[in-house]
mmCIF file of all heavy atoms, coordinates in Angstrom:
data_MODEL
# 
_entry.id   MODEL 
# 
loop_
_atom_site.group_PDB 
_atom_site.id 
_atom_site.type_symbol 
_atom_site.label_atom_id 
_atom_site.label_alt_id 
_atom_site.label_comp_id 
_atom_site.label_asym_id 
_atom_site.label_entity_id 
_atom_site.label_seq_id 
_atom_site.pdbx_PDB_ins_code 
_atom_site.Cartn_x 
_atom_site.Cartn_y 
_atom_site.Cartn_z 
_atom_site.occupancy 
_atom_site.B_iso_or_equiv 
_atom_site.pdbx_formal_charge 
_atom_site.auth_seq_id 
_atom_site.auth_comp_id 
_atom_site.auth_asym_id 
_atom_site.auth_atom_id 
_atom_site.pdbx_PDB_model_num 
ATOM 1   N N   . ASP A 1 1  ? 18.676 4.551  -11.301 1.00 0.00 ? 1  ASP A N   1 
ATOM 2   C CA  . ASP A 1 1  ? 19.064 4.747  -9.908  1.00 0.00 ? 1  ASP A CA  1 
ATOM 3   C C   . ASP A 1 1  ? 18.343 5.989  -9.409  1.00 0.00 ? 1  ASP A C   1 
ATOM 4   O O   . ASP A 1 1  ? 18.329 7.014  -10.099 1.00 0.00 ? 1  ASP A O   1 
ATOM 5   C CB  . ASP A 1 1  ? 20.581 4.929  -9.802  1.00 0.00 ? 1  ASP A CB  1 
ATOM 6   C CG  . ASP A 1 1  ? 21.063 4.947  -8.363  1.00 0.00 ? 1  ASP A CG  1 
ATOM 7   O OD1 . ASP A 1 1  ? 20.389 4.350  -7.493  1.00 0.00 ? 1  ASP A OD1 1 
ATOM 8   O OD2 . ASP A 1 1  ? 22.114 5.561  -8.103  1.00 0.00 ? 1  ASP A OD2 1 
ATOM 9   N N   . ILE A 1 2  ? 17.724 5.912  -8.248  1.00 0.00 ? 2  ILE A N   1 
ATOM 10  C CA  . ILE A 1 2  ? 17.011 7.054  -7.667  1.00 0.00 ? 2  ILE A CA  1 
ATOM 11  C C   . ILE A 1 2  ? 17.963 7.786  -6.740  1.00 0.00 ? 2  ILE A C   1 
ATOM 12  O O   . ILE A 1 2  ? 18.551 7.183  -5.840  1.00 0.00 ? 2  ILE A O   1 
ATOM 13  C CB  . ILE A 1 2  ? 15.741 6.598  -6.927  1.00 0.00 ? 2  ILE A CB  1 
ATOM 14  C CG1 . ILE A 1 2  ? 14.776 5.945  -7.915  1.00 0.00 ? 2  ILE A CG1 1 
ATOM 15  C CG2 . ILE A 1 2  ? 15.092 7.776  -6.211  1.00 0.00 ? 2  ILE A CG2 1 
ATOM 16  C CD1 . ILE A 1 2  ? 13.542 5.336  -7.283  1.00 0.00 ? 2  ILE A CD1 1 
ATOM 17  N N   . LEU A 1 3  ? 18.117 9.093  -6.981  1.00 0.00 ? 3  LEU A N   1 
ATOM 18  C CA  . LEU A 1 3  ? 19.005 9.918  -6.167  1.00 0.00 ? 3  LEU A CA  1 
ATOM 19  C C   . LEU A 1 3  ? 18.262 10.379 -4.918  1.00 0.00 ? 3  LEU A C   1 
ATOM 20  O O   . LEU A 1 3  ? 17.038 10.518 -4.923  1.00 0.00 ? 3  LEU A O   1 
ATOM 21  C CB  . LEU A 1 3  ? 19.485 11.121 -6.970  1.00 0.00 ? 3  LEU A CB  1 
ATOM 22  C CG  . LEU A 1 3  ? 20.174 10.783 -8.299  1.00 0.00 ? 3  LEU A CG  1 
ATOM 23  C CD1 . LEU A 1 3  ? 20.542 12.056 -9.049  1.00 0.00 ? 3  LEU A CD1 1 
ATOM 24  C CD2 . LEU A 1 3  ? 21.414 9.940  -8.058  1.00 0.00 ? 3  LEU A CD2 1 
ATOM 25  N N   . ASN A 1 4  ? 18.997 10.654 -3.866  1.00 0.00 ? 4  ASN A N   1 
ATOM 26  C CA  . ASN A 1 4  ? 18.385 11.135 -2.623  1.00 0.00 ? 4  ASN A CA  1 
ATOM 27  C C   . ASN A 1 4  ? 17.726 12.491 -2.839  1.00 0.00 ? 4  ASN A C   1 
ATOM 28  O O   . ASN A 1 4  ? 18.263 13.348 -3.542  1.00 0.00 ? 4  ASN A O   1 
ATOM 29  C CB  . ASN A 1 4  ? 19.432 11.259 -1.512  1.00 0.00 ? 4  ASN A CB  1 
ATOM 30  C CG  . ASN A 1 4  ? 19.848 9.910  -0.978  1.00 0.00 ? 4  ASN A CG  1 
ATOM 31  O OD1 . ASN A 1 4  ? 19.101 8.939  -1.063  1.00 0.00 ? 4  ASN A OD1 1 
ATOM 32  N ND2 . ASN A 1 4  ? 21.059 9.837  -0.458  1.00 0.00 ? 4  ASN A ND2 1 
ATOM 33  N N   . ASP A 1 5  ? 16.571 12.681 -2.224  1.00 0.00 ? 5  ASP A N   1 
ATOM 34  C CA  . ASP A 1 5  ? 15.849 13.957 -2.297  1.00 0.00 ? 5  ASP A CA  1 
ATOM 35  C C   . ASP A 1 5  ? 16.366 14.859 -1.182  1.00 0.00 ? 5  ASP A C   1 
ATOM 36  O O   . ASP A 1 5  ? 16.268 14.519 -0.008  1.00 0.00 ? 5  ASP A O   1 
ATOM 37  C CB  . ASP A 1 5  ? 14.343 13.708 -2.145  1.00 0.00 ? 5  ASP A CB  1 
ATOM 38  C CG  . ASP A 1 5  ? 13.528 14.985 -2.256  1.00 0.00 ? 5  ASP A CG  1 
ATOM 39  O OD1 . ASP A 1 5  ? 14.087 16.026 -2.670  1.00 0.00 ? 5  ASP A OD1 1 
ATOM 40  O OD2 . ASP A 1 5  ? 12.335 14.953 -1.910  1.00 0.00 ? 5  ASP A OD2 1 
ATOM 41  N N   . ASP A 1 6  ? 16.914 15.993 -1.567  1.00 0.00 ? 6  ASP A N   1 
ATOM 42  C CA  . ASP A 1 6  ? 17.458 16.935 -0.586  1.00 0.00 ? 6  ASP A CA  1 
ATOM 43  C C   . ASP A 1 6  ? 16.494 18.077 -0.297  1.00 0.00 ? 6  ASP A C   1 
ATOM 44  O O   . ASP A 1 6  ? 16.907 19.185 0.036   1.00 0.00 ? 6  ASP A O   1 
ATOM 45  C CB  . ASP A 1 6  ? 18.793 17.508 -1.092  1.00 0.00 ? 6  ASP A CB  1 
ATOM 46  C CG  . ASP A 1 6  ? 19.837 16.422 -1.274  1.00 0.00 ? 6  ASP A CG  1 
ATOM 47  O OD1 . ASP A 1 6  ? 19.795 15.439 -0.531  1.00 0.00 ? 6  ASP A OD1 1 
ATOM 48  O OD2 . ASP A 1 6  ? 20.690 16.574 -2.172  1.00 0.00 ? 6  ASP A OD2 1 
ATOM 49  N N   . SER A 1 7  ? 15.176 17.809 -0.416  1.00 0.00 ? 7  SER A N   1 
ATOM 50  C CA  . SER A 1 7  ? 14.183 18.864 -0.165  1.00 0.00 ? 7  SER A CA  1 
ATOM 51  C C   . SER A 1 7  ? 14.274 19.330 1.277   1.00 0.00 ? 7  SER A C   1 
ATOM 52  O O   . SER A 1 7  ? 14.351 18.508 2.199   1.00 0.00 ? 7  SER A O   1 
ATOM 53  C CB  . SER A 1 7  ? 12.761 18.354 -0.416  1.00 0.00 ? 7  SER A CB  1 
ATOM 54  O OG  . SER A 1 7  ? 12.638 17.906 -1.738  1.00 0.00 ? 7  SER A OG  1 
ATOM 55  N N   . PRO A 1 8  ? 14.227 20.664 1.493   1.00 0.00 ? 8  PRO A N   1 
ATOM 56  C CA  . PRO A 1 8  ? 14.327 21.178 2.865   1.00 0.00 ? 8  PRO A CA  1 
ATOM 57  C C   . PRO A 1 8  ? 13.136 20.777 3.737   1.00 0.00 ? 8  PRO A C   1 
ATOM 58  O O   . PRO A 1 8  ? 13.280 20.597 4.941   1.00 0.00 ? 8  PRO A O   1 
ATOM 59  C CB  . PRO A 1 8  ? 14.395 22.694 2.671   1.00 0.00 ? 8  PRO A CB  1 
ATOM 60  C CG  . PRO A 1 8  ? 13.938 22.968 1.281   1.00 0.00 ? 8  PRO A CG  1 
ATOM 61  C CD  . PRO A 1 8  ? 14.151 21.718 0.493   1.00 0.00 ? 8  PRO A CD  1 
ATOM 62  N N   . ASP A 1 9  ? 11.941 20.591 3.141   1.00 0.00 ? 9  ASP A N   1 
ATOM 63  C CA  . ASP A 1 9  ? 10.766 20.258 3.965   1.00 0.00 ? 9  ASP A CA  1 
ATOM 64  C C   . ASP A 1 9  ? 10.688 18.765 4.281   1.00 0.00 ? 9  ASP A C   1 
ATOM 65  O O   . ASP A 1 9  ? 9.886  18.352 5.123   1.00 0.00 ? 9  ASP A O   1 
ATOM 66  C CB  . ASP A 1 9  ? 9.477  20.756 3.312   1.00 0.00 ? 9  ASP A CB  1 
ATOM 67  C CG  . ASP A 1 9  ? 9.171  20.083 1.978   1.00 0.00 ? 9  ASP A CG  1 
ATOM 68  O OD1 . ASP A 1 9  ? 9.807  19.058 1.665   1.00 0.00 ? 9  ASP A OD1 1 
ATOM 69  O OD2 . ASP A 1 9  ? 8.307  20.591 1.255   1.00 0.00 ? 9  ASP A OD2 1 
ATOM 70  N N   . GLY A 1 10 ? 11.499 17.945 3.600   1.00 0.00 ? 10 GLY A N   1 
ATOM 71  C CA  . GLY A 1 10 ? 11.513 16.514 3.879   1.00 0.00 ? 10 GLY A CA  1 
ATOM 72  C C   . GLY A 1 10 ? 10.187 15.829 3.607   1.00 0.00 ? 10 GLY A C   1 
ATOM 73  O O   . GLY A 1 10 ? 9.904  14.773 4.150   1.00 0.00 ? 10 GLY A O   1 
ATOM 74  N N   . GLY A 1 11 ? 9.346  16.399 2.748   1.00 0.00 ? 11 GLY A N   1 
ATOM 75  C CA  . GLY A 1 11 ? 8.052  15.790 2.423   1.00 0.00 ? 11 GLY A CA  1 
ATOM 76  C C   . GLY A 1 11 ? 7.014  15.978 3.515   1.00 0.00 ? 11 GLY A C   1 
ATOM 77  O O   . GLY A 1 11 ? 6.022  15.262 3.559   1.00 0.00 ? 11 GLY A O   1 
ATOM 78  N N   . VAL A 1 12 ? 7.215  16.959 4.404   1.00 0.00 ? 12 VAL A N   1 
ATOM 79  C CA  . VAL A 1 12 ? 6.287  17.222 5.505   1.00 0.00 ? 12 VAL A CA  1 
ATOM 80  C C   . VAL A 1 12 ? 5.658  18.593 5.287   1.00 0.00 ? 12 VAL A C   1 
ATOM 81  O O   . VAL A 1 12 ? 6.334  19.549 4.911   1.00 0.00 ? 12 VAL A O   1 
ATOM 82  C CB  . VAL A 1 12 ? 7.030  17.190 6.857   1.00 0.00 ? 12 VAL A CB  1 
ATOM 83  C CG1 . VAL A 1 12 ? 6.099  17.532 8.004   1.00 0.00 ? 12 VAL A CG1 1 
ATOM 84  C CG2 . VAL A 1 12 ? 7.670  15.828 7.070   1.00 0.00 ? 12 VAL A CG2 1 
ATOM 85  N N   . ALA A 1 13 ? 4.343  18.682 5.522   1.00 0.00 ? 13 ALA A N   1 
ATOM 86  C CA  . ALA A 1 13 ? 3.643  19.970 5.393   1.00 0.00 ? 13 ALA A CA  1 
ATOM 87  C C   . ALA A 1 13 ? 2.482  19.995 6.380   1.00 0.00 ? 13 ALA A C   1 
ATOM 88  O O   . ALA A 1 13 ? 1.910  18.945 6.702   1.00 0.00 ? 13 ALA A O   1 
ATOM 89  C CB  . ALA A 1 13 ? 3.109  20.147 3.977   1.00 0.00 ? 13 ALA A CB  1 
ATOM 90  N N   . PRO A 1 14 ? 2.128  21.177 6.867   1.00 0.00 ? 14 PRO A N   1 
ATOM 91  C CA  . PRO A 1 14 ? 0.944  21.262 7.729   1.00 0.00 ? 14 PRO A CA  1 
ATOM 92  C C   . PRO A 1 14 ? -0.321 21.056 6.890   1.00 0.00 ? 14 PRO A C   1 
ATOM 93  O O   . PRO A 1 14 ? -0.308 21.232 5.676   1.00 0.00 ? 14 PRO A O   1 
ATOM 94  C CB  . PRO A 1 14 ? 1.013  22.687 8.284   1.00 0.00 ? 14 PRO A CB  1 
ATOM 95  C CG  . PRO A 1 14 ? 1.799  23.449 7.264   1.00 0.00 ? 14 PRO A CG  1 
ATOM 96  C CD  . PRO A 1 14 ? 2.757  22.469 6.658   1.00 0.00 ? 14 PRO A CD  1 
ATOM 97  N N   . GLU A 1 15 ? -1.408 20.674 7.540   1.00 0.00 ? 15 GLU A N   1 
ATOM 98  C CA  . GLU A 1 15 ? -2.681 20.507 6.837   1.00 0.00 ? 15 GLU A CA  1 
ATOM 99  C C   . GLU A 1 15 ? -3.022 21.810 6.129   1.00 0.00 ? 15 GLU A C   1 
ATOM 100 O O   . GLU A 1 15 ? -2.806 22.891 6.664   1.00 0.00 ? 15 GLU A O   1 
ATOM 101 C CB  . GLU A 1 15 ? -3.784 20.096 7.807   1.00 0.00 ? 15 GLU A CB  1 
ATOM 102 C CG  . GLU A 1 15 ? -5.015 19.585 7.071   1.00 0.00 ? 15 GLU A CG  1 
ATOM 103 C CD  . GLU A 1 15 ? -5.911 18.739 7.951   1.00 0.00 ? 15 GLU A CD  1 
ATOM 104 O OE1 . GLU A 1 15 ? -5.846 18.869 9.186   1.00 0.00 ? 15 GLU A OE1 1 
ATOM 105 O OE2 . GLU A 1 15 ? -6.661 17.951 7.386   1.00 0.00 ? 15 GLU A OE2 1 
ATOM 106 N N   . ASN A 1 16 ? -3.535 21.690 4.908   1.00 0.00 ? 16 ASN A N   1 
ATOM 107 C CA  . ASN A 1 16 ? -3.861 22.796 3.995   1.00 0.00 ? 16 ASN A CA  1 
ATOM 108 C C   . ASN A 1 16 ? -2.610 23.462 3.416   1.00 0.00 ? 16 ASN A C   1 
ATOM 109 O O   . ASN A 1 16 ? -2.718 24.419 2.660   1.00 0.00 ? 16 ASN A O   1 
ATOM 110 C CB  . ASN A 1 16 ? -4.764 23.850 4.646   1.00 0.00 ? 16 ASN A CB  1 
ATOM 111 C CG  . ASN A 1 16 ? -6.141 23.285 4.901   1.00 0.00 ? 16 ASN A CG  1 
ATOM 112 O OD1 . ASN A 1 16 ? -6.698 22.599 4.027   1.00 0.00 ? 16 ASN A OD1 1 
ATOM 113 N ND2 . ASN A 1 16 ? -6.675 23.509 6.093   1.00 0.00 ? 16 ASN A ND2 1 
ATOM 114 N N   . GLY A 1 17 ? -1.440 22.972 3.748   1.00 0.00 ? 17 GLY A N   1 
ATOM 115 C CA  . GLY A 1 17 ? -0.201 23.494 3.174   1.00 0.00 ? 17 GLY A CA  1 
ATOM 116 C C   . GLY A 1 17 ? 0.127  22.750 1.879   1.00 0.00 ? 17 GLY A C   1 
ATOM 117 O O   . GLY A 1 17 ? -0.668 21.966 1.357   1.00 0.00 ? 17 GLY A O   1 
ATOM 118 N N   . SER A 1 18 ? 1.306  23.007 1.371   1.00 0.00 ? 18 SER A N   1 
ATOM 119 C CA  . SER A 1 18 ? 1.759  22.358 0.133   1.00 0.00 ? 18 SER A CA  1 
ATOM 120 C C   . SER A 1 18 ? 3.037  21.578 0.405   1.00 0.00 ? 18 SER A C   1 
ATOM 121 O O   . SER A 1 18 ? 3.830  21.956 1.256   1.00 0.00 ? 18 SER A O   1 
ATOM 122 C CB  . SER A 1 18 ? 2.043  23.408 -0.945  1.00 0.00 ? 18 SER A CB  1 
ATOM 123 O OG  . SER A 1 18 ? 0.860  24.068 -1.299  1.00 0.00 ? 18 SER A OG  1 
ATOM 124 N N   . VAL A 1 19 ? 3.184  20.519 -0.347  1.00 0.00 ? 19 VAL A N   1 
ATOM 125 C CA  . VAL A 1 19 ? 4.414  19.729 -0.256  1.00 0.00 ? 19 VAL A CA  1 
ATOM 126 C C   . VAL A 1 19 ? 4.862  19.387 -1.679  1.00 0.00 ? 19 VAL A C   1 
ATOM 127 O O   . VAL A 1 19 ? 4.046  19.090 -2.539  1.00 0.00 ? 19 VAL A O   1 
ATOM 128 C CB  . VAL A 1 19 ? 4.219  18.467 0.617   1.00 0.00 ? 19 VAL A CB  1 
ATOM 129 C CG1 . VAL A 1 19 ? 3.278  17.479 -0.019  1.00 0.00 ? 19 VAL A CG1 1 
ATOM 130 C CG2 . VAL A 1 19 ? 5.547  17.802 0.929   1.00 0.00 ? 19 VAL A CG2 1 
ATOM 131 N N   . ARG A 1 20 ? 6.169  19.494 -1.888  1.00 0.00 ? 20 ARG A N   1 
ATOM 132 C CA  . ARG A 1 20 ? 6.762  19.185 -3.193  1.00 0.00 ? 20 ARG A CA  1 
ATOM 133 C C   . ARG A 1 20 ? 7.622  17.929 -3.008  1.00 0.00 ? 20 ARG A C   1 
ATOM 134 O O   . ARG A 1 20 ? 8.578  17.937 -2.240  1.00 0.00 ? 20 ARG A O   1 
ATOM 135 C CB  . ARG A 1 20 ? 7.618  20.355 -3.656  1.00 0.00 ? 20 ARG A CB  1 
ATOM 136 C CG  . ARG A 1 20 ? 8.251  20.177 -5.023  1.00 0.00 ? 20 ARG A CG  1 
ATOM 137 C CD  . ARG A 1 20 ? 9.106  21.375 -5.412  1.00 0.00 ? 20 ARG A CD  1 
ATOM 138 N NE  . ARG A 1 20 ? 8.417  22.632 -5.277  1.00 0.00 ? 20 ARG A NE  1 
ATOM 139 C CZ  . ARG A 1 20 ? 7.704  23.236 -6.235  1.00 0.00 ? 20 ARG A CZ  1 
ATOM 140 N NH1 . ARG A 1 20 ? 7.608  22.658 -7.409  1.00 0.00 ? 20 ARG A NH1 1 
ATOM 141 N NH2 . ARG A 1 20 ? 7.106  24.377 -6.016  1.00 0.00 ? 20 ARG A NH2 1 
ATOM 142 N N   . LEU A 1 21 ? 7.233  16.857 -3.704  1.00 0.00 ? 21 LEU A N   1 
ATOM 143 C CA  . LEU A 1 21 ? 7.984  15.606 -3.663  1.00 0.00 ? 21 LEU A CA  1 
ATOM 144 C C   . LEU A 1 21 ? 8.790  15.488 -4.951  1.00 0.00 ? 21 LEU A C   1 
ATOM 145 O O   . LEU A 1 21 ? 8.244  15.654 -6.037  1.00 0.00 ? 21 LEU A O   1 
ATOM 146 C CB  . LEU A 1 21 ? 7.042  14.414 -3.525  1.00 0.00 ? 21 LEU A CB  1 
ATOM 147 C CG  . LEU A 1 21 ? 6.097  14.443 -2.315  1.00 0.00 ? 21 LEU A CG  1 
ATOM 148 C CD1 . LEU A 1 21 ? 5.151  13.250 -2.370  1.00 0.00 ? 21 LEU A CD1 1 
ATOM 149 C CD2 . LEU A 1 21 ? 6.901  14.424 -1.021  1.00 0.00 ? 21 LEU A CD2 1 
ATOM 150 N N   . ARG A 1 22 ? 10.095 15.220 -4.805  1.00 0.00 ? 22 ARG A N   1 
ATOM 151 C CA  . ARG A 1 22 ? 10.962 15.097 -5.982  1.00 0.00 ? 22 ARG A CA  1 
ATOM 152 C C   . ARG A 1 22 ? 11.556 13.700 -6.035  1.00 0.00 ? 22 ARG A C   1 
ATOM 153 O O   . ARG A 1 22 ? 11.993 13.169 -5.031  1.00 0.00 ? 22 ARG A O   1 
ATOM 154 C CB  . ARG A 1 22 ? 12.107 16.113 -5.921  1.00 0.00 ? 22 ARG A CB  1 
ATOM 155 C CG  . ARG A 1 22 ? 11.646 17.499 -6.277  1.00 0.00 ? 22 ARG A CG  1 
ATOM 156 C CD  . ARG A 1 22 ? 12.777 18.384 -6.725  1.00 0.00 ? 22 ARG A CD  1 
ATOM 157 N NE  . ARG A 1 22 ? 13.350 17.867 -7.955  1.00 0.00 ? 22 ARG A NE  1 
ATOM 158 C CZ  . ARG A 1 22 ? 14.590 18.100 -8.335  1.00 0.00 ? 22 ARG A CZ  1 
ATOM 159 N NH1 . ARG A 1 22 ? 15.378 18.832 -7.598  1.00 0.00 ? 22 ARG A NH1 1 
ATOM 160 N NH2 . ARG A 1 22 ? 15.059 17.620 -9.454  1.00 0.00 ? 22 ARG A NH2 1 
ATOM 161 N N   . CYS A 1 23 ? 11.575 13.160 -7.230  1.00 0.00 ? 23 CYS A N   1 
ATOM 162 C CA  . CYS A 1 23 ? 12.217 11.876 -7.470  1.00 0.00 ? 23 CYS A CA  1 
ATOM 163 C C   . CYS A 1 23 ? 13.113 12.052 -8.680  1.00 0.00 ? 23 CYS A C   1 
ATOM 164 O O   . CYS A 1 23 ? 12.646 12.053 -9.815  1.00 0.00 ? 23 CYS A O   1 
ATOM 165 C CB  . CYS A 1 23 ? 11.182 10.778 -7.724  1.00 0.00 ? 23 CYS A CB  1 
ATOM 166 S SG  . CYS A 1 23 ? 11.922 9.170  -8.045  1.00 0.00 ? 23 CYS A SG  1 
ATOM 167 N N   . LYS A 1 24 ? 14.391 12.220 -8.437  1.00 0.00 ? 24 LYS A N   1 
ATOM 168 C CA  . LYS A 1 24 ? 15.369 12.402 -9.500  1.00 0.00 ? 24 LYS A CA  1 
ATOM 169 C C   . LYS A 1 24 ? 16.010 11.048 -9.751  1.00 0.00 ? 24 LYS A C   1 
ATOM 170 O O   . LYS A 1 24 ? 16.537 10.423 -8.836  1.00 0.00 ? 24 LYS A O   1 
ATOM 171 C CB  . LYS A 1 24 ? 16.412 13.443 -9.080  1.00 0.00 ? 24 LYS A CB  1 
ATOM 172 C CG  . LYS A 1 24 ? 17.486 13.689 -10.091 1.00 0.00 ? 24 LYS A CG  1 
ATOM 173 C CD  . LYS A 1 24 ? 16.969 14.518 -11.239 1.00 0.00 ? 24 LYS A CD  1 
ATOM 174 C CE  . LYS A 1 24 ? 18.108 14.809 -12.212 1.00 0.00 ? 24 LYS A CE  1 
ATOM 175 N NZ  . LYS A 1 24 ? 17.674 14.828 -13.581 1.00 0.00 ? 24 LYS A NZ  1 
ATOM 176 N N   . ALA A 1 25 ? 15.931 10.589 -10.996 1.00 0.00 ? 25 ALA A N   1 
ATOM 177 C CA  . ALA A 1 25 ? 16.487 9.292  -11.348 1.00 0.00 ? 25 ALA A CA  1 
ATOM 178 C C   . ALA A 1 25 ? 17.491 9.445  -12.488 1.00 0.00 ? 25 ALA A C   1 
ATOM 179 O O   . ALA A 1 25 ? 17.335 10.294 -13.350 1.00 0.00 ? 25 ALA A O   1 
ATOM 180 C CB  . ALA A 1 25 ? 15.368 8.331  -11.754 1.00 0.00 ? 25 ALA A CB  1 
# 
């Protein structure tokens, strides 16, 4: 079961920025 990602950035980043995607199962 995949749990909801509660990342504050919501998978959005400006160009040349960084994004952290989490998938907790």
